[in-house]
Amino acid sequence: MFSSLQMFGPVALWSPFFFLSLAVVALLYAGMTGRWRKRLGFDVPVPRKQKVYFFTGIALLYVCKGSPLDLLGHLTFTAHMVQMAVLYLIVPQCFILGIPGPLYERVFRVAAVRRVFRLLTKPIVALLLFNGLFSLYHVPFIFDAVKTNMWLHALVTSVIFIAAFCMWWPLVNKLPDWQTLSGLKKMGYIFADGMLLTPACALIIFADAPLYATYTDPKAWMAALALCVPQGTLASLDLSGPQMFLSMSPLHDQQLGGVLMKIIQEIVYGTMLFFIFSDWYRKEREKEPNLDMELKPTQ
């Protein structure tokens, strides 16, 4: 399939302007965690692991929104769901873990920002916000409207990304003043998260007909392609419809997308559960010697 994508040209395939934007962000981060660190009040060097998280997030963000995967997400529903899974379930974690604490503290000095962020990252609010927005986005008439309007698409995907950031915050942030969940509560949070995302995936997987005009109606499909392919290039191509790039029926493409989304979600959440349980178990074991000392009678 990749060879057939060459017809769309390098701008549509590799999004050079988006690449340059992310490169600027990466350079600014390197400066703030390097030579500008002391000016920004970083008392200790930023750990290498933290930098790796941030640059991994930048790389995955480019893969999702700047590489051929973004174009494929406008051609097939399967690619779209893989794109969404990585963008909302993995990338936010990388950024949360990769941004140094002093940078967060500077932002949170603004009282309004701190109050709004504290509200949006309350566990119940964060769960309902992300899963509600993600599910609404995949309601067919909303999905088709968003996928065929450039500004609406940029707005909606950005808002869902912010909601995903807020959803992951209670689980993975390391700031002492922002720890709202204990080990067992974190496990319950992940189970609830998985349950809330299930209805949207089930709607997609078990539908008996294609739900989205964006992937079945040639006119809507072309309008969606216009979001990532230059108009001049698109006008020069002889495109008959989405079936040109599908090796299966639109219904099977839709069902496969829903299944892959659920599988990736289960892998990400299962991995998170493993680390949270391991961390909780280790801390409980560390408490045992102290408890034994308290219970041991004095001689």
C-alpha atoms as a PDB file:
ATOM      1  CA  MET A   1       0.000   0.000   0.000  1.00  0.00           C
ATOM      2  CA  PHE A   2       2.854   2.396   0.765  1.00  0.00           C
ATOM      3  CA  SER A   3       3.889   2.532  -2.904  1.00  0.00           C
ATOM      4  CA  SER A   4       0.363   3.609  -3.871  1.00  0.00           C
ATOM      5  CA  LEU A   5       0.535   6.435  -1.313  1.00  0.00           C
ATOM      6  CA  GLN A   6       3.399   8.033  -3.240  1.00  0.00           C
ATOM      7  CA  MET A   7       0.820   9.597  -5.574  1.00  0.00           C
ATOM      8  CA  PHE A   8      -0.146  12.030  -2.783  1.00  0.00           C
ATOM      9  CA  GLY A   9       3.317  13.606  -2.720  1.00  0.00           C
ATOM     10  CA  PRO A  10       5.894  14.242   0.026  1.00  0.00           C
ATOM     11  CA  VAL A  11       3.975  17.073   1.726  1.00  0.00           C
ATOM     12  CA  ALA A  12       0.954  14.850   2.396  1.00  0.00           C
ATOM     13  CA  LEU A  13       3.123  11.888   3.355  1.00  0.00           C
ATOM     14  CA  TRP A  14       5.636  13.572   5.672  1.00  0.00           C
ATOM     15  CA  SER A  15       4.108  16.923   6.738  1.00  0.00           C
ATOM     16  CA  PRO A  16       7.392  18.916   6.686  1.00  0.00           C
ATOM     17  CA  PHE A  17       5.902  21.980   8.389  1.00  0.00           C
ATOM     18  CA  PHE A  18       4.611  19.873  11.286  1.00  0.00           C
ATOM     19  CA  PHE A  19       8.023  18.201  11.484  1.00  0.00           C
ATOM     20  CA  LEU A  20       9.741  21.595  11.723  1.00  0.00           C
ATOM     21  CA  SER A  21       7.306  22.707  14.441  1.00  0.00           C
ATOM     22  CA  LEU A  22       8.059  19.633  16.537  1.00  0.00           C
ATOM     23  CA  ALA A  23      11.791  20.077  15.903  1.00  0.00           C
ATOM     24  CA  VAL A  24      11.569  23.611  17.337  1.00  0.00           C
ATOM     25  CA  VAL A  25       9.744  22.270  20.410  1.00  0.00           C
ATOM     26  CA  ALA A  26      12.401  19.567  20.832  1.00  0.00           C
ATOM     27  CA  LEU A  27      15.215  22.144  20.581  1.00  0.00           C
ATOM     28  CA  LEU A  28      13.521  24.403  23.137  1.00  0.00           C
ATOM     29  CA  TYR A  29      13.147  21.459  25.493  1.00  0.00           C
ATOM     30  CA  ALA A  30      16.809  20.535  25.005  1.00  0.00           C
ATOM     31  CA  GLY A  31      17.803  24.112  25.842  1.00  0.00           C
ATOM     32  CA  MET A  32      15.542  24.351  28.900  1.00  0.00           C
ATOM     33  CA  THR A  33      16.834  21.060  30.296  1.00  0.00           C
ATOM     34  CA  GLY A  34      20.424  21.813  29.290  1.00  0.00           C
ATOM     35  CA  ARG A  35      22.271  25.114  29.095  1.00  0.00           C
ATOM     36  CA  TRP A  36      19.275  27.224  30.206  1.00  0.00           C
ATOM     37  CA  ARG A  37      18.463  24.917  33.103  1.00  0.00           C
ATOM     38  CA  LYS A  38      19.863  27.038  35.946  1.00  0.00           C
ATOM     39  CA  ARG A  39      18.246  30.217  34.620  1.00  0.00           C
ATOM     40  CA  LEU A  40      14.885  28.453  34.840  1.00  0.00           C
ATOM     41  CA  GLY A  41      15.484  27.360  38.422  1.00  0.00           C
ATOM     42  CA  PHE A  42      16.222  23.663  37.885  1.00  0.00           C
ATOM     43  CA  ASP A  43      18.172  22.797  41.042  1.00  0.00           C
ATOM     44  CA  VAL A  44      19.228  19.366  39.817  1.00  0.00           C
ATOM     45  CA  PRO A  45      19.974  18.034  36.320  1.00  0.00           C
ATOM     46  CA  VAL A  46      17.015  16.577  34.444  1.00  0.00           C
ATOM     47  CA  PRO A  47      17.450  12.762  34.434  1.00  0.00           C
ATOM     48  CA  ARG A  48      18.273  11.180  31.096  1.00  0.00           C
ATOM     49  CA  LYS A  49      15.262   8.881  31.448  1.00  0.00           C
ATOM     50  CA  GLN A  50      12.968  11.890  31.678  1.00  0.00           C
ATOM     51  CA  LYS A  51      14.423  13.354  28.484  1.00  0.00           C
ATOM     52  CA  VAL A  52      13.938  10.016  26.726  1.00  0.00           C
ATOM     53  CA  TYR A  53      10.250  10.076  27.678  1.00  0.00           C
ATOM     54  CA  PHE A  54       9.786  13.559  26.221  1.00  0.00           C
ATOM     55  CA  PHE A  55      11.612  12.888  22.946  1.00  0.00           C
ATOM     56  CA  THR A  56       9.743   9.584  22.591  1.00  0.00           C
ATOM     57  CA  GLY A  57       6.509  11.558  22.935  1.00  0.00           C
ATOM     58  CA  ILE A  58       7.668  13.981  20.230  1.00  0.00           C
ATOM     59  CA  ALA A  59       8.595  11.100  17.912  1.00  0.00           C
ATOM     60  CA  LEU A  60       5.265   9.305  18.449  1.00  0.00           C
ATOM     61  CA  LEU A  61       3.337  12.545  17.973  1.00  0.00           C
ATOM     62  CA  TYR A  62       5.034  12.991  14.610  1.00  0.00           C
ATOM     63  CA  VAL A  63       4.282   9.372  13.664  1.00  0.00           C
ATOM     64  CA  CYS A  64       0.610   9.917  14.505  1.00  0.00           C
ATOM     65  CA  LYS A  65       0.086  13.338  12.940  1.00  0.00           C
ATOM     66  CA  GLY A  66       2.953  13.878  10.499  1.00  0.00           C
ATOM     67  CA  SER A  67       3.944  10.533   8.996  1.00  0.00           C
ATOM     68  CA  PRO A  68       2.084   8.453   6.365  1.00  0.00           C
ATOM     69  CA  LEU A  69      -0.008   7.047   9.233  1.00  0.00           C
ATOM     70  CA  ASP A  70      -1.920  10.347   9.320  1.00  0.00           C
ATOM     71  CA  LEU A  71      -2.724  10.070   5.619  1.00  0.00           C
ATOM     72  CA  LEU A  72      -3.679   6.417   6.059  1.00  0.00           C
ATOM     73  CA  GLY A  73      -6.015   7.490   8.858  1.00  0.00           C
ATOM     74  CA  HIS A  74      -7.990   9.439   6.240  1.00  0.00           C
ATOM     75  CA  LEU A  75      -8.014   6.471   3.875  1.00  0.00           C
ATOM     76  CA  THR A  76      -8.918   3.574   6.177  1.00  0.00           C
ATOM     77  CA  PHE A  77     -10.715   3.378   9.505  1.00  0.00           C
ATOM     78  CA  THR A  78      -8.252   0.754  10.775  1.00  0.00           C
ATOM     79  CA  ALA A  79      -5.334   3.189  10.458  1.00  0.00           C
ATOM     80  CA  HIS A  80      -7.439   5.921  12.077  1.00  0.00           C
ATOM     81  CA  MET A  81      -8.067   3.812  15.189  1.00  0.00           C
ATOM     82  CA  VAL A  82      -4.401   2.795  15.518  1.00  0.00           C
ATOM     83  CA  GLN A  83      -3.541   6.497  15.236  1.00  0.00           C
ATOM     84  CA  MET A  84      -6.054   7.386  17.962  1.00  0.00           C
ATOM     85  CA  ALA A  85      -4.831   4.617  20.260  1.00  0.00           C
ATOM     86  CA  VAL A  86      -1.202   5.755  20.138  1.00  0.00           C
ATOM     87  CA  LEU A  87      -2.074   9.463  20.238  1.00  0.00           C
ATOM     88  CA  TYR A  88      -4.353   9.283  23.280  1.00  0.00           C
ATOM     89  CA  LEU A  89      -3.134   6.247  25.220  1.00  0.00           C
ATOM     90  CA  ILE A  90       0.661   6.512  24.912  1.00  0.00           C
ATOM     91  CA  VAL A  91       1.798   9.998  23.866  1.00  0.00           C
ATOM     92  CA  PRO A  92       0.258  11.887  26.857  1.00  0.00           C
ATOM     93  CA  GLN A  93       2.065   9.592  29.300  1.00  0.00           C
ATOM     94  CA  CYS A  94       5.390  10.338  27.611  1.00  0.00           C
ATOM     95  CA  PHE A  95       4.856  14.084  27.936  1.00  0.00           C
ATOM     96  CA  ILE A  96       3.668  13.915  31.560  1.00  0.00           C
ATOM     97  CA  LEU A  97       6.739  11.913  32.531  1.00  0.00           C
ATOM     98  CA  GLY A  98       9.079  13.894  30.301  1.00  0.00           C
ATOM     99  CA  ILE A  99       8.298  17.442  31.431  1.00  0.00           C
ATOM    100  CA  PRO A 100      10.450  18.416  34.467  1.00  0.00           C
ATOM    101  CA  GLY A 101       8.772  19.280  37.771  1.00  0.00           C
ATOM    102  CA  PRO A 102      10.110  22.882  37.893  1.00  0.00           C
ATOM    103  CA  LEU A 103       8.435  23.564  34.551  1.00  0.00           C
ATOM    104  CA  TYR A 104       5.086  22.396  35.924  1.00  0.00           C
ATOM    105  CA  GLU A 105       5.630  24.512  39.040  1.00  0.00           C
ATOM    106  CA  ARG A 106       6.201  27.632  36.942  1.00  0.00           C
ATOM    107  CA  VAL A 107       2.967  27.033  35.039  1.00  0.00           C
ATOM    108  CA  PHE A 108       1.010  26.303  38.213  1.00  0.00           C
ATOM    109  CA  ARG A 109       2.081  29.619  39.732  1.00  0.00           C
ATOM    110  CA  VAL A 110      -0.718  31.123  37.667  1.00  0.00           C
ATOM    111  CA  ALA A 111      -3.660  30.671  40.029  1.00  0.00           C
ATOM    112  CA  ALA A 112      -6.294  30.341  37.282  1.00  0.00           C
ATOM    113  CA  VAL A 113      -4.291  27.662  35.468  1.00  0.00           C
ATOM    114  CA  ARG A 114      -3.731  25.740  38.712  1.00  0.00           C
ATOM    115  CA  ARG A 115      -7.429  25.823  39.667  1.00  0.00           C
ATOM    116  CA  VAL A 116      -8.663  24.739  36.226  1.00  0.00           C
ATOM    117  CA  PHE A 117      -6.056  21.991  35.920  1.00  0.00           C
ATOM    118  CA  ARG A 118      -6.787  20.695  39.420  1.00  0.00           C
ATOM    119  CA  LEU A 119     -10.484  20.473  38.515  1.00  0.00           C
ATOM    120  CA  LEU A 120      -9.863  18.725  35.177  1.00  0.00           C
ATOM    121  CA  THR A 121      -7.486  16.187  36.738  1.00  0.00           C
ATOM    122  CA  LYS A 122      -9.805  15.122  39.544  1.00  0.00           C
ATOM    123  CA  PRO A 123     -10.101  11.356  38.895  1.00  0.00           C
ATOM    124  CA  ILE A 124     -13.878  11.239  38.287  1.00  0.00           C
ATOM    125  CA  VAL A 125     -13.849  14.390  36.150  1.00  0.00           C
ATOM    126  CA  ALA A 126     -10.833  13.209  34.132  1.00  0.00           C
ATOM    127  CA  LEU A 127     -12.365   9.773  33.483  1.00  0.00           C
ATOM    128  CA  LEU A 128     -15.717  11.137  32.341  1.00  0.00           C
ATOM    129  CA  LEU A 129     -14.165  13.956  30.324  1.00  0.00           C
ATOM    130  CA  PHE A 130     -11.831  11.830  28.219  1.00  0.00           C
ATOM    131  CA  ASN A 131     -14.098   8.833  27.694  1.00  0.00           C
ATOM    132  CA  GLY A 132     -17.130  11.046  27.085  1.00  0.00           C
ATOM    133  CA  LEU A 133     -15.333  13.153  24.466  1.00  0.00           C
ATOM    134  CA  PHE A 134     -13.780  10.105  22.792  1.00  0.00           C
ATOM    135  CA  SER A 135     -17.163   8.363  22.590  1.00  0.00           C
ATOM    136  CA  LEU A 136     -18.948  11.484  21.301  1.00  0.00           C
ATOM    137  CA  TYR A 137     -16.277  11.954  18.650  1.00  0.00           C
ATOM    138  CA  HIS A 138     -17.093   8.510  17.243  1.00  0.00           C
ATOM    139  CA  VAL A 139     -20.842   9.152  16.988  1.00  0.00           C
ATOM    140  CA  PRO A 140     -21.268   8.890  13.178  1.00  0.00           C
ATOM    141  CA  PHE A 141     -22.680  12.339  12.332  1.00  0.00           C
ATOM    142  CA  ILE A 142     -20.175  14.069  14.634  1.00  0.00           C
ATOM    143  CA  PHE A 143     -17.288  12.005  13.277  1.00  0.00           C
ATOM    144  CA  ASP A 144     -18.151  12.803   9.651  1.00  0.00           C
ATOM    145  CA  ALA A 145     -18.534  16.516  10.415  1.00  0.00           C
ATOM    146  CA  VAL A 146     -15.174  16.656  12.201  1.00  0.00           C
ATOM    147  CA  LYS A 147     -13.270  14.621   9.605  1.00  0.00           C
ATOM    148  CA  THR A 148     -14.375  16.903   6.758  1.00  0.00           C
ATOM    149  CA  ASN A 149     -13.688  20.299   8.367  1.00  0.00           C
ATOM    150  CA  MET A 150     -10.063  21.352   8.881  1.00  0.00           C
ATOM    151  CA  TRP A 151     -10.599  23.786  11.775  1.00  0.00           C
ATOM    152  CA  LEU A 152     -13.143  21.607  13.542  1.00  0.00           C
ATOM    153  CA  HIS A 153     -10.832  18.604  13.184  1.00  0.00           C
ATOM    154  CA  ALA A 154      -7.878  20.502  14.663  1.00  0.00           C
ATOM    155  CA  LEU A 155     -10.011  21.801  17.546  1.00  0.00           C
ATOM    156  CA  VAL A 156     -11.666  18.492  18.442  1.00  0.00           C
ATOM    157  CA  THR A 157      -8.518  16.368  18.269  1.00  0.00           C
ATOM    158  CA  SER A 158      -6.622  18.946  20.365  1.00  0.00           C
ATOM    159  CA  VAL A 159      -9.373  19.036  23.012  1.00  0.00           C
ATOM    160  CA  ILE A 160      -9.451  15.226  23.213  1.00  0.00           C
ATOM    161  CA  PHE A 161      -5.651  15.186  23.528  1.00  0.00           C
ATOM    162  CA  ILE A 162      -5.846  17.634  26.460  1.00  0.00           C
ATOM    163  CA  ALA A 163      -8.553  15.431  28.006  1.00  0.00           C
ATOM    164  CA  ALA A 164      -6.285  12.379  27.546  1.00  0.00           C
ATOM    165  CA  PHE A 165      -3.447  14.284  29.256  1.00  0.00           C
ATOM    166  CA  CYS A 166      -5.770  15.033  32.186  1.00  0.00           C
ATOM    167  CA  MET A 167      -6.961  11.411  32.286  1.00  0.00           C
ATOM    168  CA  TRP A 168      -3.408  10.049  32.576  1.00  0.00           C
ATOM    169  CA  TRP A 169      -2.250  12.715  35.039  1.00  0.00           C
ATOM    170  CA  PRO A 170      -3.578  11.072  38.260  1.00  0.00           C
ATOM    171  CA  LEU A 171      -1.858   7.820  37.295  1.00  0.00           C
ATOM    172  CA  VAL A 172       1.608   8.823  36.128  1.00  0.00           C
ATOM    173  CA  ASN A 173       2.544  12.305  37.380  1.00  0.00           C
ATOM    174  CA  LYS A 174       5.373  12.357  39.940  1.00  0.00           C
ATOM    175  CA  LEU A 175       4.705  15.695  41.680  1.00  0.00           C
ATOM    176  CA  PRO A 176       4.198  15.186  45.453  1.00  0.00           C
ATOM    177  CA  ASP A 177       1.470  17.835  45.717  1.00  0.00           C
ATOM    178  CA  TRP A 178      -0.574  16.255  42.898  1.00  0.00           C
ATOM    179  CA  GLN A 179      -0.854  12.662  44.118  1.00  0.00           C
ATOM    180  CA  THR A 180      -4.596  12.040  44.332  1.00  0.00           C
ATOM    181  CA  LEU A 181      -4.680   8.237  44.013  1.00  0.00           C
ATOM    182  CA  SER A 182      -3.060   5.459  46.051  1.00  0.00           C
ATOM    183  CA  GLY A 183      -1.931   2.150  44.538  1.00  0.00           C
ATOM    184  CA  LEU A 184      -5.247   0.296  44.908  1.00  0.00           C
ATOM    185  CA  LYS A 185      -7.256   3.331  43.789  1.00  0.00           C
ATOM    186  CA  LYS A 186      -5.068   3.589  40.697  1.00  0.00           C
ATOM    187  CA  MET A 187      -5.962   0.005  39.807  1.00  0.00           C
ATOM    188  CA  GLY A 188      -9.652   0.775  40.226  1.00  0.00           C
ATOM    189  CA  TYR A 189      -9.185   3.898  38.090  1.00  0.00           C
ATOM    190  CA  ILE A 190      -7.737   1.857  35.229  1.00  0.00           C
ATOM    191  CA  PHE A 191     -10.535  -0.735  35.408  1.00  0.00           C
ATOM    192  CA  ALA A 192     -13.111   2.065  35.288  1.00  0.00           C
ATOM    193  CA  ASP A 193     -11.293   3.661  32.368  1.00  0.00           C
ATOM    194  CA  GLY A 194     -11.406   0.435  30.390  1.00  0.00           C
ATOM    195  CA  MET A 195     -15.108  -0.060  31.102  1.00  0.00           C
ATOM    196  CA  LEU A 196     -16.021   3.474  30.023  1.00  0.00           C
ATOM    197  CA  LEU A 197     -14.198   3.078  26.700  1.00  0.00           C
ATOM    198  CA  THR A 198     -15.807  -0.284  25.930  1.00  0.00           C
ATOM    199  CA  PRO A 199     -19.244   0.961  24.687  1.00  0.00           C
ATOM    200  CA  ALA A 200     -17.672   3.092  21.928  1.00  0.00           C
ATOM    201  CA  CYS A 201     -15.516   0.169  20.781  1.00  0.00           C
ATOM    202  CA  ALA A 202     -18.474  -2.230  20.958  1.00  0.00           C
ATOM    203  CA  LEU A 203     -20.615   0.091  18.828  1.00  0.00           C
ATOM    204  CA  ILE A 204     -17.919   0.074  16.157  1.00  0.00           C
ATOM    205  CA  ILE A 205     -17.070  -3.637  16.339  1.00  0.00           C
ATOM    206  CA  PHE A 206     -20.594  -5.066  16.396  1.00  0.00           C
ATOM    207  CA  ALA A 207     -22.277  -2.696  13.949  1.00  0.00           C
ATOM    208  CA  ASP A 208     -23.863  -4.635  11.067  1.00  0.00           C
ATOM    209  CA  ALA A 209     -23.265  -1.851   8.537  1.00  0.00           C
ATOM    210  CA  PRO A 210     -20.588   0.827   7.935  1.00  0.00           C
ATOM    211  CA  LEU A 211     -21.194   3.798  10.232  1.00  0.00           C
ATOM    212  CA  TYR A 212     -19.085   6.549   8.713  1.00  0.00           C
ATOM    213  CA  ALA A 213     -19.663   8.304   5.387  1.00  0.00           C
ATOM    214  CA  THR A 214     -16.046   9.461   5.534  1.00  0.00           C
ATOM    215  CA  TYR A 215     -14.952   5.928   4.626  1.00  0.00           C
ATOM    216  CA  THR A 216     -17.825   4.903   2.341  1.00  0.00           C
ATOM    217  CA  ASP A 217     -19.112   7.984   0.471  1.00  0.00           C
ATOM    218  CA  PRO A 218     -16.613   9.164  -2.184  1.00  0.00           C
ATOM    219  CA  LYS A 219     -17.624  12.830  -1.768  1.00  0.00           C
ATOM    220  CA  ALA A 220     -17.149  12.817   2.028  1.00  0.00           C
ATOM    221  CA  TRP A 221     -13.952  10.782   1.612  1.00  0.00           C
ATOM    222  CA  MET A 222     -12.495  13.389  -0.756  1.00  0.00           C
ATOM    223  CA  ALA A 223     -13.443  16.178   1.663  1.00  0.00           C
ATOM    224  CA  ALA A 224     -11.600  14.313   4.439  1.00  0.00           C
ATOM    225  CA  LEU A 225      -8.534  13.839   2.235  1.00  0.00           C
ATOM    226  CA  ALA A 226      -8.423  17.581   1.591  1.00  0.00           C
ATOM    227  CA  LEU A 227      -7.418  18.029   5.247  1.00  0.00           C
ATOM    228  CA  CYS A 228      -3.999  16.471   4.676  1.00  0.00           C
ATOM    229  CA  VAL A 229      -3.415  16.538   0.897  1.00  0.00           C
ATOM    230  CA  PRO A 230      -2.674  19.844  -0.899  1.00  0.00           C
ATOM    231  CA  GLN A 231      -5.573  20.922  -3.119  1.00  0.00           C
ATOM    232  CA  GLY A 232      -3.381  21.065  -6.223  1.00  0.00           C
ATOM    233  CA  THR A 233      -2.202  17.495  -5.710  1.00  0.00           C
ATOM    234  CA  LEU A 234      -5.699  16.224  -4.914  1.00  0.00           C
ATOM    235  CA  ALA A 235      -7.173  17.857  -8.039  1.00  0.00           C
ATOM    236  CA  SER A 236      -4.567  16.176 -10.246  1.00  0.00           C
ATOM    237  CA  LEU A 237      -5.380  12.665  -9.015  1.00  0.00           C
ATOM    238  CA  ASP A 238      -7.940  10.288 -10.471  1.00  0.00           C
ATOM    239  CA  LEU A 239      -9.517   8.921  -7.300  1.00  0.00           C
ATOM    240  CA  SER A 240     -12.716   6.902  -7.451  1.00  0.00           C
ATOM    241  CA  GLY A 241     -13.276   6.341  -3.743  1.00  0.00           C
ATOM    242  CA  PRO A 242     -12.008   4.680  -0.561  1.00  0.00           C
ATOM    243  CA  GLN A 243     -12.248   1.186  -2.034  1.00  0.00           C
ATOM    244  CA  MET A 244      -9.066   1.975  -3.990  1.00  0.00           C
ATOM    245  CA  PHE A 245      -7.034   1.553  -0.801  1.00  0.00           C
ATOM    246  CA  LEU A 246      -9.022  -1.166   0.967  1.00  0.00           C
ATOM    247  CA  SER A 247      -8.184  -4.858   0.780  1.00  0.00           C
ATOM    248  CA  MET A 248     -11.425  -5.645   2.634  1.00  0.00           C
ATOM    249  CA  SER A 249     -14.991  -4.376   2.795  1.00  0.00           C
ATOM    250  CA  PRO A 250     -15.679  -1.058   4.585  1.00  0.00           C
ATOM    251  CA  LEU A 251     -17.552  -2.971   7.304  1.00  0.00           C
ATOM    252  CA  HIS A 252     -14.606  -5.281   7.959  1.00  0.00           C
ATOM    253  CA  ASP A 253     -12.243  -2.301   7.933  1.00  0.00           C
ATOM    254  CA  GLN A 254     -14.442  -0.641  10.555  1.00  0.00           C
ATOM    255  CA  GLN A 255     -14.634  -3.763  12.704  1.00  0.00           C
ATOM    256  CA  LEU A 256     -10.885  -4.358  12.498  1.00  0.00           C
ATOM    257  CA  GLY A 257     -10.281  -0.767  13.582  1.00  0.00           C
ATOM    258  CA  GLY A 258     -12.482  -1.226  16.636  1.00  0.00           C
ATOM    259  CA  VAL A 259     -10.790  -4.519  17.543  1.00  0.00           C
ATOM    260  CA  LEU A 260      -7.290  -3.035  17.221  1.00  0.00           C
ATOM    261  CA  MET A 261      -8.274  -0.051  19.349  1.00  0.00           C
ATOM    262  CA  LYS A 262      -9.523  -2.394  22.071  1.00  0.00           C
ATOM    263  CA  ILE A 263      -6.433  -4.632  21.848  1.00  0.00           C
ATOM    264  CA  ILE A 264      -4.023  -1.682  22.116  1.00  0.00           C
ATOM    265  CA  GLN A 265      -6.060  -0.282  25.002  1.00  0.00           C
ATOM    266  CA  GLU A 266      -5.900  -3.606  26.850  1.00  0.00           C
ATOM    267  CA  ILE A 267      -2.131  -3.866  26.301  1.00  0.00           C
ATOM    268  CA  VAL A 268      -1.510  -0.302  27.532  1.00  0.00           C
ATOM    269  CA  TYR A 269      -3.846  -0.613  30.524  1.00  0.00           C
ATOM    270  CA  GLY A 270      -2.587  -4.099  31.365  1.00  0.00           C
ATOM    271  CA  THR A 271       1.014  -2.876  31.341  1.00  0.00           C
ATOM    272  CA  MET A 272       0.045   0.051  33.561  1.00  0.00           C
ATOM    273  CA  LEU A 273      -1.740  -2.298  35.970  1.00  0.00           C
ATOM    274  CA  PHE A 274       1.357  -4.489  36.198  1.00  0.00           C
ATOM    275  CA  PHE A 275       3.623  -1.566  37.123  1.00  0.00           C
ATOM    276  CA  ILE A 276       1.131  -0.087  39.580  1.00  0.00           C
ATOM    277  CA  PHE A 277       0.593  -3.444  41.295  1.00  0.00           C
ATOM    278  CA  SER A 278       4.357  -4.090  41.439  1.00  0.00           C
ATOM    279  CA  ASP A 279       4.958  -0.652  42.958  1.00  0.00           C
ATOM    280  CA  TRP A 280       2.145  -1.123  45.500  1.00  0.00           C
ATOM    281  CA  TYR A 281       3.382  -4.607  46.446  1.00  0.00           C
ATOM    282  CA  ARG A 282       6.963  -3.352  46.884  1.00  0.00           C
ATOM    283  CA  LYS A 283       5.836  -0.526  49.170  1.00  0.00           C
ATOM    284  CA  GLU A 284       3.736  -2.924  51.246  1.00  0.00           C
ATOM    285  CA  ARG A 285       6.721  -5.250  51.645  1.00  0.00           C
ATOM    286  CA  GLU A 286       8.889  -2.316  52.732  1.00  0.00           C
ATOM    287  CA  LYS A 287       6.419  -1.578  55.520  1.00  0.00           C
ATOM    288  CA  GLU A 288       6.647  -5.111  56.967  1.00  0.00           C
ATOM    289  CA  PRO A 289      10.072  -4.751  58.693  1.00  0.00           C
ATOM    290  CA  ASN A 290       8.904  -1.530  60.334  1.00  0.00           C
ATOM    291  CA  LEU A 291       5.724  -3.241  61.509  1.00  0.00           C
ATOM    292  CA  ASP A 292       7.731  -6.173  62.910  1.00  0.00           C
ATOM    293  CA  MET A 293       9.945  -3.769  64.850  1.00  0.00           C
ATOM    294  CA  GLU A 294       6.889  -2.054  66.348  1.00  0.00           C
ATOM    295  CA  LEU A 295       5.332  -5.366  67.409  1.00  0.00           C
ATOM    296  CA  LYS A 296       8.552  -6.895  68.740  1.00  0.00           C
ATOM    297  CA  PRO A 297       8.597  -6.699  72.577  1.00  0.00           C
ATOM    298  CA  THR A 298      11.418  -4.741  74.095  1.00  0.00           C
ATOM    299  CA  GLN A 299      13.996  -6.751  76.069  1.00  0.00           C
END
